[in-house]
Amino acid sequence: MRCAFEFHIDAVKMPINILLKNLSKDYKCEVVSDEEFYKRHGYSKKLLGLVKCVRV
């Protein structure tokens, strides 16, 4: 199973590395945002991004 989502740190109230660690129990996840994504949205990599996950 594959999934992708956009994360907003202010919504989940935890750093992305903690979120990815929690997901790593069942999924292999990676942040796939590129520089164009951040320019378009005006956020930093620590606050917003795209994540792709595959169930392991």
PDB file of N, CA and C in Angstrom:
ATOM      1  N   MET A   1       0.844  -1.179   0.000  1.00  0.00           N
ATOM      2  CA  MET A   1       0.000   0.000   0.000  1.00  0.00           C
ATOM      3  C   MET A   1       0.888   1.240   0.000  1.00  0.00           C
ATOM      4  N   ARG A   2       0.533   2.205  -0.815  1.00  0.00           N
ATOM      5  CA  ARG A   2       1.264   3.470  -0.891  1.00  0.00           C
ATOM      6  C   ARG A   2       0.339   4.604  -0.478  1.00  0.00           C
ATOM      7  N   CYS A   3       0.925   5.627   0.091  1.00  0.00           N
ATOM      8  CA  CYS A   3       0.149   6.826   0.408  1.00  0.00           C
ATOM      9  C   CYS A   3       1.079   8.030   0.325  1.00  0.00           C
ATOM     10  N   ALA A   4       0.479   9.166   0.172  1.00  0.00           N
ATOM     11  CA  ALA A   4       1.216  10.426   0.160  1.00  0.00           C
ATOM     12  C   ALA A   4       0.371  11.448   0.906  1.00  0.00           C
ATOM     13  N   PHE A   5       1.035  12.350   1.594  1.00  0.00           N
ATOM     14  CA  PHE A   5       0.297  13.384   2.310  1.00  0.00           C
ATOM     15  C   PHE A   5       1.153  14.619   2.464  1.00  0.00           C
ATOM     16  N   GLU A   6       0.493  15.709   2.721  1.00  0.00           N
ATOM     17  CA  GLU A   6       1.148  16.985   3.026  1.00  0.00           C
ATOM     18  C   GLU A   6       1.110  17.141   4.533  1.00  0.00           C
ATOM     19  N   PHE A   7       2.237  17.501   5.141  1.00  0.00           N
ATOM     20  CA  PHE A   7       2.239  17.709   6.581  1.00  0.00           C
ATOM     21  C   PHE A   7       2.377  19.193   6.903  1.00  0.00           C
ATOM     22  N   HIS A   8       1.730  19.579   7.988  1.00  0.00           N
ATOM     23  CA  HIS A   8       1.802  20.931   8.539  1.00  0.00           C
ATOM     24  C   HIS A   8       2.153  20.775  10.014  1.00  0.00           C
ATOM     25  N   ILE A   9       3.339  21.168  10.388  1.00  0.00           N
ATOM     26  CA  ILE A   9       3.796  20.976  11.759  1.00  0.00           C
ATOM     27  C   ILE A   9       2.878  21.662  12.758  1.00  0.00           C
ATOM     28  N   ASP A  10       2.341  22.823  12.432  1.00  0.00           N
ATOM     29  CA  ASP A  10       1.447  23.500  13.371  1.00  0.00           C
ATOM     30  C   ASP A  10       0.150  22.722  13.573  1.00  0.00           C
ATOM     31  N   ALA A  11      -0.232  21.847  12.652  1.00  0.00           N
ATOM     32  CA  ALA A  11      -1.444  21.037  12.792  1.00  0.00           C
ATOM     33  C   ALA A  11      -1.189  19.768  13.601  1.00  0.00           C
ATOM     34  N   VAL A  12      -0.046  19.123  13.388  1.00  0.00           N
ATOM     35  CA  VAL A  12       0.236  17.862  14.086  1.00  0.00           C
ATOM     36  C   VAL A  12       0.971  18.064  15.409  1.00  0.00           C
ATOM     37  N   LYS A  13       1.524  19.234  15.608  1.00  0.00           N
ATOM     38  CA  LYS A  13       2.192  19.605  16.865  1.00  0.00           C
ATOM     39  C   LYS A  13       3.364  18.700  17.224  1.00  0.00           C
ATOM     40  N   MET A  14       4.097  18.218  16.198  1.00  0.00           N
ATOM     41  CA  MET A  14       5.323  17.458  16.448  1.00  0.00           C
ATOM     42  C   MET A  14       6.268  17.650  15.276  1.00  0.00           C
ATOM     43  N   PRO A  15       7.565  17.596  15.520  1.00  0.00           N
ATOM     44  CA  PRO A  15       8.546  17.743  14.442  1.00  0.00           C
ATOM     45  C   PRO A  15       8.417  16.598  13.433  1.00  0.00           C
ATOM     46  N   ILE A  16       8.804  16.853  12.199  1.00  0.00           N
ATOM     47  CA  ILE A  16       8.683  15.855  11.143  1.00  0.00           C
ATOM     48  C   ILE A  16       9.481  14.597  11.458  1.00  0.00           C
ATOM     49  N   ASN A  17      10.646  14.716  12.099  1.00  0.00           N
ATOM     50  CA  ASN A  17      11.434  13.516  12.392  1.00  0.00           C
ATOM     51  C   ASN A  17      10.701  12.595  13.381  1.00  0.00           C
ATOM     52  N   ILE A  18       9.949  13.151  14.321  1.00  0.00           N
ATOM     53  CA  ILE A  18       9.155  12.338  15.256  1.00  0.00           C
ATOM     54  C   ILE A  18       7.987  11.695  14.511  1.00  0.00           C
ATOM     55  N   LEU A  19       7.334  12.458  13.651  1.00  0.00           N
ATOM     56  CA  LEU A  19       6.232  11.919  12.850  1.00  0.00           C
ATOM     57  C   LEU A  19       6.701  10.752  11.993  1.00  0.00           C
ATOM     58  N   LEU A  20       7.837  10.916  11.305  1.00  0.00           N
ATOM     59  CA  LEU A  20       8.376   9.850  10.463  1.00  0.00           C
ATOM     60  C   LEU A  20       8.797   8.640  11.292  1.00  0.00           C
ATOM     61  N   LYS A  21       9.333   8.869  12.472  1.00  0.00           N
ATOM     62  CA  LYS A  21       9.717   7.757  13.355  1.00  0.00           C
ATOM     63  C   LYS A  21       8.478   6.950  13.752  1.00  0.00           C
ATOM     64  N   ASN A  22       7.398   7.636  14.089  1.00  0.00           N
ATOM     65  CA  ASN A  22       6.163   6.940  14.453  1.00  0.00           C
ATOM     66  C   ASN A  22       5.608   6.138  13.272  1.00  0.00           C
ATOM     67  N   LEU A  23       5.673   6.703  12.086  1.00  0.00           N
ATOM     68  CA  LEU A  23       5.176   6.011  10.899  1.00  0.00           C
ATOM     69  C   LEU A  23       6.071   4.843  10.491  1.00  0.00           C
ATOM     70  N   SER A  24       7.345   4.889  10.864  1.00  0.00           N
ATOM     71  CA  SER A  24       8.297   3.870  10.418  1.00  0.00           C
ATOM     72  C   SER A  24       8.015   2.483  10.982  1.00  0.00           C
ATOM     73  N   LYS A  25       7.114   2.377  11.942  1.00  0.00           N
ATOM     74  CA  LYS A  25       6.739   1.065  12.472  1.00  0.00           C
ATOM     75  C   LYS A  25       6.046   0.230  11.400  1.00  0.00           C
ATOM     76  N   ASP A  26       5.276   0.879  10.546  1.00  0.00           N
ATOM     77  CA  ASP A  26       4.512   0.171   9.508  1.00  0.00           C
ATOM     78  C   ASP A  26       4.828   0.617   8.090  1.00  0.00           C
ATOM     79  N   TYR A  27       5.540   1.739   7.935  1.00  0.00           N
ATOM     80  CA  TYR A  27       5.768   2.310   6.615  1.00  0.00           C
ATOM     81  C   TYR A  27       7.224   2.740   6.436  1.00  0.00           C
ATOM     82  N   LYS A  28       7.677   2.715   5.207  1.00  0.00           N
ATOM     83  CA  LYS A  28       8.949   3.346   4.844  1.00  0.00           C
ATOM     84  C   LYS A  28       8.560   4.684   4.225  1.00  0.00           C
ATOM     85  N   CYS A  29       8.938   5.775   4.868  1.00  0.00           N
ATOM     86  CA  CYS A  29       8.508   7.110   4.440  1.00  0.00           C
ATOM     87  C   CYS A  29       9.702   7.993   4.098  1.00  0.00           C
ATOM     88  N   GLU A  30       9.456   8.918   3.186  1.00  0.00           N
ATOM     89  CA  GLU A  30      10.472   9.915   2.850  1.00  0.00           C
ATOM     90  C   GLU A  30       9.795  11.232   2.499  1.00  0.00           C
ATOM     91  N   VAL A  31      10.466  12.313   2.835  1.00  0.00           N
ATOM     92  CA  VAL A  31       9.988  13.642   2.464  1.00  0.00           C
ATOM     93  C   VAL A  31      10.365  13.860   1.005  1.00  0.00           C
ATOM     94  N   VAL A  32       9.389  14.230   0.184  1.00  0.00           N
ATOM     95  CA  VAL A  32       9.625  14.361  -1.254  1.00  0.00           C
ATOM     96  C   VAL A  32       9.423  15.781  -1.768  1.00  0.00           C
ATOM     97  N   SER A  33       9.302  16.735  -0.887  1.00  0.00           N
ATOM     98  CA  SER A  33       9.134  18.129  -1.298  1.00  0.00           C
ATOM     99  C   SER A  33      10.393  18.612  -2.005  1.00  0.00           C
ATOM    100  N   ASP A  34      10.213  19.467  -2.988  1.00  0.00           N
ATOM    101  CA  ASP A  34      11.364  20.044  -3.670  1.00  0.00           C
ATOM    102  C   ASP A  34      11.397  21.554  -3.430  1.00  0.00           C
ATOM    103  N   GLU A  35      12.448  22.180  -3.891  1.00  0.00           N
ATOM    104  CA  GLU A  35      12.617  23.620  -3.656  1.00  0.00           C
ATOM    105  C   GLU A  35      11.470  24.437  -4.262  1.00  0.00           C
ATOM    106  N   GLU A  36      10.959  24.016  -5.402  1.00  0.00           N
ATOM    107  CA  GLU A  36       9.836  24.723  -6.031  1.00  0.00           C
ATOM    108  C   GLU A  36       8.607  24.705  -5.129  1.00  0.00           C
ATOM    109  N   PHE A  37       8.366  23.589  -4.465  1.00  0.00           N
ATOM    110  CA  PHE A  37       7.245  23.468  -3.527  1.00  0.00           C
ATOM    111  C   PHE A  37       7.364  24.521  -2.428  1.00  0.00           C
ATOM    112  N   TYR A  38       8.557  24.653  -1.847  1.00  0.00           N
ATOM    113  CA  TYR A  38       8.750  25.622  -0.766  1.00  0.00           C
ATOM    114  C   TYR A  38       8.667  27.061  -1.260  1.00  0.00           C
ATOM    115  N   LYS A  39       9.176  27.339  -2.428  1.00  0.00           N
ATOM    116  CA  LYS A  39       9.067  28.696  -2.999  1.00  0.00           C
ATOM    117  C   LYS A  39       7.605  29.057  -3.222  1.00  0.00           C
ATOM    118  N   ARG A  40       6.838  28.125  -3.763  1.00  0.00           N
ATOM    119  CA  ARG A  40       5.435  28.369  -4.071  1.00  0.00           C
ATOM    120  C   ARG A  40       4.615  28.630  -2.809  1.00  0.00           C
ATOM    121  N   HIS A  41       4.908  27.894  -1.722  1.00  0.00           N
ATOM    122  CA  HIS A  41       4.123  28.017  -0.496  1.00  0.00           C
ATOM    123  C   HIS A  41       4.714  28.984   0.510  1.00  0.00           C
ATOM    124  N   GLY A  42       5.977  29.349   0.348  1.00  0.00           N
ATOM    125  CA  GLY A  42       6.600  30.315   1.248  1.00  0.00           C
ATOM    126  C   GLY A  42       6.849  29.792   2.652  1.00  0.00           C
ATOM    127  N   TYR A  43       7.013  28.479   2.801  1.00  0.00           N
ATOM    128  CA  TYR A  43       7.284  27.876   4.105  1.00  0.00           C
ATOM    129  C   TYR A  43       8.675  27.275   4.125  1.00  0.00           C
ATOM    130  N   SER A  44       9.159  26.989   5.310  1.00  0.00           N
ATOM    131  CA  SER A  44      10.436  26.288   5.428  1.00  0.00           C
ATOM    132  C   SER A  44      10.198  24.786   5.472  1.00  0.00           C
ATOM    133  N   LYS A  45      11.246  24.022   5.283  1.00  0.00           N
ATOM    134  CA  LYS A  45      11.155  22.556   5.287  1.00  0.00           C
ATOM    135  C   LYS A  45      10.746  22.012   6.656  1.00  0.00           C
ATOM    136  N   LYS A  46      10.956  22.778   7.703  1.00  0.00           N
ATOM    137  CA  LYS A  46      10.605  22.317   9.047  1.00  0.00           C
ATOM    138  C   LYS A  46       9.116  22.476   9.345  1.00  0.00           C
ATOM    139  N   LEU A  47       8.394  23.249   8.542  1.00  0.00           N
ATOM    140  CA  LEU A  47       6.995  23.550   8.850  1.00  0.00           C
ATOM    141  C   LEU A  47       5.987  22.890   7.933  1.00  0.00           C
ATOM    142  N   LEU A  48       6.395  22.554   6.722  1.00  0.00           N
ATOM    143  CA  LEU A  48       5.446  22.063   5.716  1.00  0.00           C
ATOM    144  C   LEU A  48       6.188  21.179   4.738  1.00  0.00           C
ATOM    145  N   GLY A  49       5.518  20.168   4.213  1.00  0.00           N
ATOM    146  CA  GLY A  49       6.161  19.338   3.215  1.00  0.00           C
ATOM    147  C   GLY A  49       5.280  18.215   2.731  1.00  0.00           C
ATOM    148  N   LEU A  50       5.782  17.474   1.772  1.00  0.00           N
ATOM    149  CA  LEU A  50       5.090  16.318   1.198  1.00  0.00           C
ATOM    150  C   LEU A  50       5.842  15.066   1.610  1.00  0.00           C
ATOM    151  N   VAL A  51       5.090  14.039   1.991  1.00  0.00           N
ATOM    152  CA  VAL A  51       5.670  12.778   2.418  1.00  0.00           C
ATOM    153  C   VAL A  51       5.077  11.650   1.595  1.00  0.00           C
ATOM    154  N   LYS A  52       5.937  10.708   1.168  1.00  0.00           N
ATOM    155  CA  LYS A  52       5.492   9.516   0.455  1.00  0.00           C
ATOM    156  C   LYS A  52       5.812   8.321   1.327  1.00  0.00           C
ATOM    157  N   CYS A  53       4.843   7.411   1.503  1.00  0.00           N
ATOM    158  CA  CYS A  53       5.033   6.235   2.333  1.00  0.00           C
ATOM    159  C   CYS A  53       4.619   4.969   1.597  1.00  0.00           C
ATOM    160  N   VAL A  54       5.333   3.882   1.896  1.00  0.00           N
ATOM    161  CA  VAL A  54       5.011   2.559   1.359  1.00  0.00           C
ATOM    162  C   VAL A  54       4.955   1.601   2.545  1.00  0.00           C
ATOM    163  N   ARG A  55       3.880   0.825   2.618  1.00  0.00           N
ATOM    164  CA  ARG A  55       3.735  -0.121   3.728  1.00  0.00           C
ATOM    165  C   ARG A  55       4.773  -1.233   3.610  1.00  0.00           C
ATOM    166  N   VAL A  56       5.421  -1.555   4.736  1.00  0.00           N
ATOM    167  CA  VAL A  56       6.453  -2.602   4.744  1.00  0.00           C
ATOM    168  C   VAL A  56       5.923  -3.900   5.304  1.00  0.00           C
TER     169      VAL A  56
END
